[in-house]
Amino acid sequence: MISTPGFGSQEWTLVEKQDKIQLYSGSKPIDDIYPYKAKVWLPYTIPEILAVFLDSKRKKEWVPRLWETWIENESIKTGTRIEYAEILIPWPFQNRDVLVKIETKVFEDINHIVLLATSVQNDRIIKASAVRAIVHPSRLTLKWDPIKKETSLETVAFTDPRGYIPAWIVNLFQKTEAVNLVESLRKQLAKNLYSKEYLLEIKEGLEGIRKQ
């Protein structure tokens, strides 16, 4: 068992390890739905990884089953954004959509950052064709190791799709998608899509957030 500070009293059990990706299951479900955590080392800097996550226009290239996404509201100064996304769900179930607030926390001279995500509501953004899912507090943690020249990535996902989908299907789906997401991220990073100037802007933005 591995206890992870900052995520309540949740404990984690390693359930799978493949291609250097470690997948853990949480100990405390909500309505029989469990959180999942994936961990991996990546040979990229924090700004390089963030560039991929922040690029909403390219997210459909690598996020599994993503149908549509946009930024509803964003503050560059505080590193906070509200983002909408619709996810394709196989028949006979309806698509799910989410509206999440993502907050950036910066520690240790920008070598350690955390993106915190949780559901928010906005009655203006309602799609009759989709069921509004709930994102329980989730996070992405990035820690740069200057000796290894790699970044430790840890992502905790805890989403309740709502509506009628049996919990065992939800857990199986989210377990699979957690690994698929990391594999897709690695492929997207390998494309090297972002300029040095843009990566420097991200680094300077993180330094600004840390100083607040």
C-alpha atoms as a PDB file:
ATOM      1  CA  MET A   1       0.000   0.000   0.000  1.00  0.00           C
ATOM      2  CA  ILE A   2       1.208   3.506  -0.805  1.00  0.00           C
ATOM      3  CA  SER A   3      -0.218   6.510   0.981  1.00  0.00           C
ATOM      4  CA  THR A   4      -0.285   9.724  -1.043  1.00  0.00           C
ATOM      5  CA  PRO A   5      -0.304  12.948   1.008  1.00  0.00           C
ATOM      6  CA  GLY A   6      -2.704  15.627  -0.178  1.00  0.00           C
ATOM      7  CA  PHE A   7      -5.368  13.233  -1.437  1.00  0.00           C
ATOM      8  CA  GLY A   8      -7.318  12.668   1.744  1.00  0.00           C
ATOM      9  CA  SER A   9      -6.773   9.314   3.423  1.00  0.00           C
ATOM     10  CA  GLN A  10      -6.648   7.533   0.081  1.00  0.00           C
ATOM     11  CA  GLU A  11      -4.291   4.565  -0.117  1.00  0.00           C
ATOM     12  CA  TRP A  12      -3.031   3.131  -3.393  1.00  0.00           C
ATOM     13  CA  THR A  13      -2.437  -0.436  -4.562  1.00  0.00           C
ATOM     14  CA  LEU A  14      -0.316  -1.231  -7.609  1.00  0.00           C
ATOM     15  CA  VAL A  15      -2.574  -3.103 -10.046  1.00  0.00           C
ATOM     16  CA  GLU A  16      -0.568  -2.997 -13.262  1.00  0.00           C
ATOM     17  CA  LYS A  17       2.866  -2.163 -14.644  1.00  0.00           C
ATOM     18  CA  GLN A  18       3.599  -1.962 -18.353  1.00  0.00           C
ATOM     19  CA  ASP A  19       6.055  -0.076 -20.521  1.00  0.00           C
ATOM     20  CA  LYS A  20       7.396   1.759 -17.444  1.00  0.00           C
ATOM     21  CA  ILE A  21       3.887   2.991 -16.532  1.00  0.00           C
ATOM     22  CA  GLN A  22       2.717   2.120 -13.022  1.00  0.00           C
ATOM     23  CA  LEU A  23      -1.047   2.053 -12.477  1.00  0.00           C
ATOM     24  CA  TYR A  24      -2.594   2.185  -9.001  1.00  0.00           C
ATOM     25  CA  SER A  25      -6.141   1.812  -7.716  1.00  0.00           C
ATOM     26  CA  GLY A  26      -7.394   3.902  -4.822  1.00  0.00           C
ATOM     27  CA  SER A  27      -8.905   2.435  -1.671  1.00  0.00           C
ATOM     28  CA  LYS A  28     -11.932   4.687  -1.192  1.00  0.00           C
ATOM     29  CA  PRO A  29     -14.600   4.569  -3.924  1.00  0.00           C
ATOM     30  CA  ILE A  30     -17.582   6.859  -4.317  1.00  0.00           C
ATOM     31  CA  ASP A  31     -20.705   4.970  -5.438  1.00  0.00           C
ATOM     32  CA  ASP A  32     -18.425   1.971  -6.178  1.00  0.00           C
ATOM     33  CA  ILE A  33     -16.279   4.026  -8.577  1.00  0.00           C
ATOM     34  CA  TYR A  34     -12.563   4.028  -7.767  1.00  0.00           C
ATOM     35  CA  PRO A  35      -9.892   6.650  -8.434  1.00  0.00           C
ATOM     36  CA  TYR A  36      -6.873   5.607 -10.478  1.00  0.00           C
ATOM     37  CA  LYS A  37      -3.319   6.889 -10.436  1.00  0.00           C
ATOM     38  CA  ALA A  38      -0.705   6.499 -13.166  1.00  0.00           C
ATOM     39  CA  LYS A  39       3.012   7.191 -12.687  1.00  0.00           C
ATOM     40  CA  VAL A  40       5.796   7.399 -15.258  1.00  0.00           C
ATOM     41  CA  TRP A  41       9.167   9.075 -15.868  1.00  0.00           C
ATOM     42  CA  LEU A  42       9.398  11.207 -19.022  1.00  0.00           C
ATOM     43  CA  PRO A  43      12.590  12.526 -20.692  1.00  0.00           C
ATOM     44  CA  TYR A  44      11.075  15.997 -21.061  1.00  0.00           C
ATOM     45  CA  THR A  45      11.076  19.202 -19.021  1.00  0.00           C
ATOM     46  CA  ILE A  46       8.050  20.509 -17.158  1.00  0.00           C
ATOM     47  CA  PRO A  47       7.437  23.318 -19.717  1.00  0.00           C
ATOM     48  CA  GLU A  48       7.544  20.759 -22.550  1.00  0.00           C
ATOM     49  CA  ILE A  49       4.911  18.612 -20.830  1.00  0.00           C
ATOM     50  CA  LEU A  50       2.760  21.598 -19.874  1.00  0.00           C
ATOM     51  CA  ALA A  51       2.834  22.878 -23.455  1.00  0.00           C
ATOM     52  CA  VAL A  52       0.996  19.729 -24.523  1.00  0.00           C
ATOM     53  CA  PHE A  53      -1.554  19.897 -21.698  1.00  0.00           C
ATOM     54  CA  LEU A  54      -2.277  23.597 -22.222  1.00  0.00           C
ATOM     55  CA  ASP A  55      -2.783  23.341 -25.986  1.00  0.00           C
ATOM     56  CA  SER A  56      -6.550  22.829 -26.167  1.00  0.00           C
ATOM     57  CA  LYS A  57      -6.558  23.068 -29.978  1.00  0.00           C
ATOM     58  CA  ARG A  58      -4.394  19.944 -30.291  1.00  0.00           C
ATOM     59  CA  LYS A  59      -5.892  17.884 -27.474  1.00  0.00           C
ATOM     60  CA  LYS A  60      -7.998  15.813 -29.871  1.00  0.00           C
ATOM     61  CA  GLU A  61      -4.718  14.554 -31.356  1.00  0.00           C
ATOM     62  CA  TRP A  62      -3.803  12.666 -28.200  1.00  0.00           C
ATOM     63  CA  VAL A  63      -6.537  12.583 -25.524  1.00  0.00           C
ATOM     64  CA  PRO A  64      -8.461   9.291 -25.943  1.00  0.00           C
ATOM     65  CA  ARG A  65     -12.086   9.670 -27.110  1.00  0.00           C
ATOM     66  CA  LEU A  66     -12.060  13.459 -26.914  1.00  0.00           C
ATOM     67  CA  TRP A  67     -14.804  14.832 -29.173  1.00  0.00           C
ATOM     68  CA  GLU A  68     -14.725  18.527 -28.351  1.00  0.00           C
ATOM     69  CA  THR A  69     -12.974  20.893 -25.981  1.00  0.00           C
ATOM     70  CA  TRP A  70     -12.489  24.606 -25.399  1.00  0.00           C
ATOM     71  CA  ILE A  71     -11.309  27.070 -22.766  1.00  0.00           C
ATOM     72  CA  GLU A  72     -14.277  28.827 -21.214  1.00  0.00           C
ATOM     73  CA  ASN A  73     -12.285  31.161 -18.988  1.00  0.00           C
ATOM     74  CA  GLU A  74      -8.597  31.636 -18.252  1.00  0.00           C
ATOM     75  CA  SER A  75      -6.269  33.720 -16.095  1.00  0.00           C
ATOM     76  CA  ILE A  76      -2.645  33.522 -17.265  1.00  0.00           C
ATOM     77  CA  LYS A  77      -1.497  35.435 -14.187  1.00  0.00           C
ATOM     78  CA  THR A  78      -2.869  32.899 -11.677  1.00  0.00           C
ATOM     79  CA  GLY A  79      -2.588  29.818 -13.882  1.00  0.00           C
ATOM     80  CA  THR A  80      -6.309  29.084 -13.511  1.00  0.00           C
ATOM     81  CA  ARG A  81      -8.655  28.040 -16.296  1.00  0.00           C
ATOM     82  CA  ILE A  82     -12.140  26.623 -16.749  1.00  0.00           C
ATOM     83  CA  GLU A  83     -12.228  24.055 -19.520  1.00  0.00           C
ATOM     84  CA  TYR A  84     -15.057  22.194 -21.239  1.00  0.00           C
ATOM     85  CA  ALA A  85     -14.697  18.741 -22.795  1.00  0.00           C
ATOM     86  CA  GLU A  86     -17.003  16.159 -24.349  1.00  0.00           C
ATOM     87  CA  ILE A  87     -15.904  12.521 -24.382  1.00  0.00           C
ATOM     88  CA  LEU A  88     -17.148   9.877 -26.808  1.00  0.00           C
ATOM     89  CA  ILE A  89     -18.776   6.927 -25.035  1.00  0.00           C
ATOM     90  CA  PRO A  90     -19.483   3.679 -26.936  1.00  0.00           C
ATOM     91  CA  TRP A  91     -23.081   2.814 -27.824  1.00  0.00           C
ATOM     92  CA  PRO A  92     -25.556   2.275 -26.192  1.00  0.00           C
ATOM     93  CA  PHE A  93     -24.455   4.965 -23.705  1.00  0.00           C
ATOM     94  CA  GLN A  94     -24.587   8.735 -24.232  1.00  0.00           C
ATOM     95  CA  ASN A  95     -21.468  10.865 -24.496  1.00  0.00           C
ATOM     96  CA  ARG A  96     -20.270  12.478 -21.289  1.00  0.00           C
ATOM     97  CA  ASP A  97     -19.142  16.065 -20.892  1.00  0.00           C
ATOM     98  CA  VAL A  98     -17.368  17.905 -18.092  1.00  0.00           C
ATOM     99  CA  LEU A  99     -16.705  21.467 -17.057  1.00  0.00           C
ATOM    100  CA  VAL A 100     -13.644  21.655 -14.830  1.00  0.00           C
ATOM    101  CA  LYS A 101     -11.670  24.288 -13.005  1.00  0.00           C
ATOM    102  CA  ILE A 102      -7.917  23.709 -13.274  1.00  0.00           C
ATOM    103  CA  GLU A 103      -5.608  25.480 -10.829  1.00  0.00           C
ATOM    104  CA  THR A 104      -1.808  25.607 -11.070  1.00  0.00           C
ATOM    105  CA  LYS A 105       0.294  25.284  -7.912  1.00  0.00           C
ATOM    106  CA  VAL A 106       4.039  25.930  -8.205  1.00  0.00           C
ATOM    107  CA  PHE A 107       6.680  24.818  -5.688  1.00  0.00           C
ATOM    108  CA  GLU A 108      10.474  24.606  -5.383  1.00  0.00           C
ATOM    109  CA  ASP A 109      11.714  27.044  -8.046  1.00  0.00           C
ATOM    110  CA  ILE A 110       9.273  25.622 -10.622  1.00  0.00           C
ATOM    111  CA  ASN A 111      10.771  22.103 -10.462  1.00  0.00           C
ATOM    112  CA  HIS A 112       7.565  20.870  -8.818  1.00  0.00           C
ATOM    113  CA  ILE A 113       4.090  21.814 -10.014  1.00  0.00           C
ATOM    114  CA  VAL A 114       0.591  20.462  -9.464  1.00  0.00           C
ATOM    115  CA  LEU A 115      -2.500  20.998 -11.610  1.00  0.00           C
ATOM    116  CA  LEU A 116      -5.649  20.555  -9.514  1.00  0.00           C
ATOM    117  CA  ALA A 117      -8.910  19.801 -11.342  1.00  0.00           C
ATOM    118  CA  THR A 118     -12.482  19.642 -10.086  1.00  0.00           C
ATOM    119  CA  SER A 119     -15.964  20.071 -11.535  1.00  0.00           C
ATOM    120  CA  VAL A 120     -17.706  23.444 -11.653  1.00  0.00           C
ATOM    121  CA  GLN A 121     -21.162  24.355 -12.900  1.00  0.00           C
ATOM    122  CA  ASN A 122     -22.341  26.778 -15.567  1.00  0.00           C
ATOM    123  CA  ASP A 123     -25.984  26.571 -16.641  1.00  0.00           C
ATOM    124  CA  ARG A 124     -25.152  28.207 -19.955  1.00  0.00           C
ATOM    125  CA  ILE A 125     -23.088  25.228 -21.088  1.00  0.00           C
ATOM    126  CA  ILE A 126     -25.606  22.404 -21.260  1.00  0.00           C
ATOM    127  CA  LYS A 127     -25.767  19.807 -24.036  1.00  0.00           C
ATOM    128  CA  ALA A 128     -28.917  17.724 -24.268  1.00  0.00           C
ATOM    129  CA  SER A 129     -27.007  15.060 -26.189  1.00  0.00           C
ATOM    130  CA  ALA A 130     -24.505  14.494 -23.376  1.00  0.00           C
ATOM    131  CA  VAL A 131     -24.652  13.542 -19.695  1.00  0.00           C
ATOM    132  CA  ARG A 132     -22.750  15.896 -17.383  1.00  0.00           C
ATOM    133  CA  ALA A 133     -20.086  13.908 -15.541  1.00  0.00           C
ATOM    134  CA  ILE A 134     -18.571  14.922 -12.220  1.00  0.00           C
ATOM    135  CA  VAL A 135     -14.823  15.236 -11.803  1.00  0.00           C
ATOM    136  CA  HIS A 136     -13.995  14.642  -8.159  1.00  0.00           C
ATOM    137  CA  PRO A 137     -10.781  16.383  -7.027  1.00  0.00           C
ATOM    138  CA  SER A 138      -8.076  15.102  -9.374  1.00  0.00           C
ATOM    139  CA  ARG A 139      -4.531  16.216 -10.106  1.00  0.00           C
ATOM    140  CA  LEU A 140      -1.473  16.138 -12.301  1.00  0.00           C
ATOM    141  CA  THR A 141       1.884  16.316 -10.481  1.00  0.00           C
ATOM    142  CA  LEU A 142       5.148  17.047 -12.289  1.00  0.00           C
ATOM    143  CA  LYS A 143       8.593  16.911 -10.609  1.00  0.00           C
ATOM    144  CA  TRP A 144      11.779  17.615 -12.524  1.00  0.00           C
ATOM    145  CA  ASP A 145      14.886  15.605 -11.532  1.00  0.00           C
ATOM    146  CA  PRO A 146      17.993  17.608 -12.565  1.00  0.00           C
ATOM    147  CA  ILE A 147      20.229  14.559 -12.131  1.00  0.00           C
ATOM    148  CA  LYS A 148      18.160  12.162 -14.252  1.00  0.00           C
ATOM    149  CA  LYS A 149      17.164  14.972 -16.642  1.00  0.00           C
ATOM    150  CA  GLU A 150      13.640  13.574 -16.547  1.00  0.00           C
ATOM    151  CA  THR A 151      10.264  14.573 -15.119  1.00  0.00           C
ATOM    152  CA  SER A 152       8.211  12.366 -12.830  1.00  0.00           C
ATOM    153  CA  LEU A 153       4.569  12.518 -13.923  1.00  0.00           C
ATOM    154  CA  GLU A 154       1.791  11.370 -11.617  1.00  0.00           C
ATOM    155  CA  THR A 155      -1.839  11.735 -12.627  1.00  0.00           C
ATOM    156  CA  VAL A 156      -4.807  11.002 -10.372  1.00  0.00           C
ATOM    157  CA  ALA A 157      -8.174  10.714 -12.138  1.00  0.00           C
ATOM    158  CA  PHE A 158     -11.481  10.353 -10.310  1.00  0.00           C
ATOM    159  CA  THR A 159     -14.522  10.880 -12.540  1.00  0.00           C
ATOM    160  CA  ASP A 160     -18.117   9.800 -12.023  1.00  0.00           C
ATOM    161  CA  PRO A 161     -19.776   9.621 -15.476  1.00  0.00           C
ATOM    162  CA  ARG A 162     -23.251   9.811 -13.907  1.00  0.00           C
ATOM    163  CA  GLY A 163     -26.295   8.391 -15.659  1.00  0.00           C
ATOM    164  CA  TYR A 164     -26.714   4.644 -16.003  1.00  0.00           C
ATOM    165  CA  ILE A 165     -23.422   2.877 -16.581  1.00  0.00           C
ATOM    166  CA  PRO A 166     -22.637  -0.077 -14.282  1.00  0.00           C
ATOM    167  CA  ALA A 167     -19.797   0.724 -11.890  1.00  0.00           C
ATOM    168  CA  TRP A 168     -17.713  -2.260 -12.999  1.00  0.00           C
ATOM    169  CA  ILE A 169     -17.762  -0.948 -16.582  1.00  0.00           C
ATOM    170  CA  VAL A 170     -16.764   2.528 -15.390  1.00  0.00           C
ATOM    171  CA  ASN A 171     -13.844   1.155 -13.370  1.00  0.00           C
ATOM    172  CA  LEU A 172     -12.624  -1.030 -16.237  1.00  0.00           C
ATOM    173  CA  PHE A 173     -12.913   1.852 -18.708  1.00  0.00           C
ATOM    174  CA  GLN A 174     -11.090   4.364 -16.491  1.00  0.00           C
ATOM    175  CA  LYS A 175      -8.349   1.860 -15.673  1.00  0.00           C
ATOM    176  CA  THR A 176      -7.694   1.323 -19.383  1.00  0.00           C
ATOM    177  CA  GLU A 177      -7.922   5.008 -20.255  1.00  0.00           C
ATOM    178  CA  ALA A 178      -5.439   5.996 -17.538  1.00  0.00           C
ATOM    179  CA  VAL A 179      -2.712   3.961 -19.248  1.00  0.00           C
ATOM    180  CA  ASN A 180      -3.816   4.982 -22.753  1.00  0.00           C
ATOM    181  CA  LEU A 181      -3.627   8.649 -21.786  1.00  0.00           C
ATOM    182  CA  VAL A 182       0.001   8.387 -20.664  1.00  0.00           C
ATOM    183  CA  GLU A 183       0.971   6.413 -23.777  1.00  0.00           C
ATOM    184  CA  SER A 184      -0.719   9.004 -26.007  1.00  0.00           C
ATOM    185  CA  LEU A 185       0.998  11.832 -24.128  1.00  0.00           C
ATOM    186  CA  ARG A 186       4.410  10.278 -24.783  1.00  0.00           C
ATOM    187  CA  LYS A 187       3.671  10.076 -28.505  1.00  0.00           C
ATOM    188  CA  GLN A 188       2.516  13.700 -28.576  1.00  0.00           C
ATOM    189  CA  LEU A 189       5.631  14.870 -26.725  1.00  0.00           C
ATOM    190  CA  ALA A 190       7.830  13.061 -29.244  1.00  0.00           C
ATOM    191  CA  LYS A 191       6.452  15.312 -32.022  1.00  0.00           C
ATOM    192  CA  ASN A 192       8.331  18.299 -30.537  1.00  0.00           C
ATOM    193  CA  LEU A 193       5.647  20.774 -31.617  1.00  0.00           C
ATOM    194  CA  TYR A 194       6.583  23.830 -29.560  1.00  0.00           C
ATOM    195  CA  SER A 195       9.308  26.422 -30.031  1.00  0.00           C
ATOM    196  CA  LYS A 196      11.985  27.265 -27.481  1.00  0.00           C
ATOM    197  CA  GLU A 197      10.477  30.748 -27.230  1.00  0.00           C
ATOM    198  CA  TYR A 198       7.064  29.364 -26.285  1.00  0.00           C
ATOM    199  CA  LEU A 199       8.569  26.982 -23.724  1.00  0.00           C
ATOM    200  CA  LEU A 200      10.413  29.955 -22.211  1.00  0.00           C
ATOM    201  CA  GLU A 201       7.073  31.808 -21.942  1.00  0.00           C
ATOM    202  CA  ILE A 202       5.624  28.856 -20.007  1.00  0.00           C
ATOM    203  CA  LYS A 203       8.646  28.809 -17.679  1.00  0.00           C
ATOM    204  CA  GLU A 204       8.341  32.538 -17.033  1.00  0.00           C
ATOM    205  CA  GLY A 205       4.608  32.121 -16.399  1.00  0.00           C
ATOM    206  CA  LEU A 206       5.314  29.448 -13.777  1.00  0.00           C
ATOM    207  CA  GLU A 207       7.849  31.697 -12.081  1.00  0.00           C
ATOM    208  CA  GLY A 208       5.234  34.458 -11.975  1.00  0.00           C
ATOM    209  CA  ILE A 209       2.657  32.150 -10.363  1.00  0.00           C
ATOM    210  CA  ARG A 210       5.209  30.978  -7.763  1.00  0.00           C
ATOM    211  CA  LYS A 211       6.008  34.543  -6.706  1.00  0.00           C
ATOM    212  CA  GLN A 212       2.386  35.436  -5.954  1.00  0.00           C
END
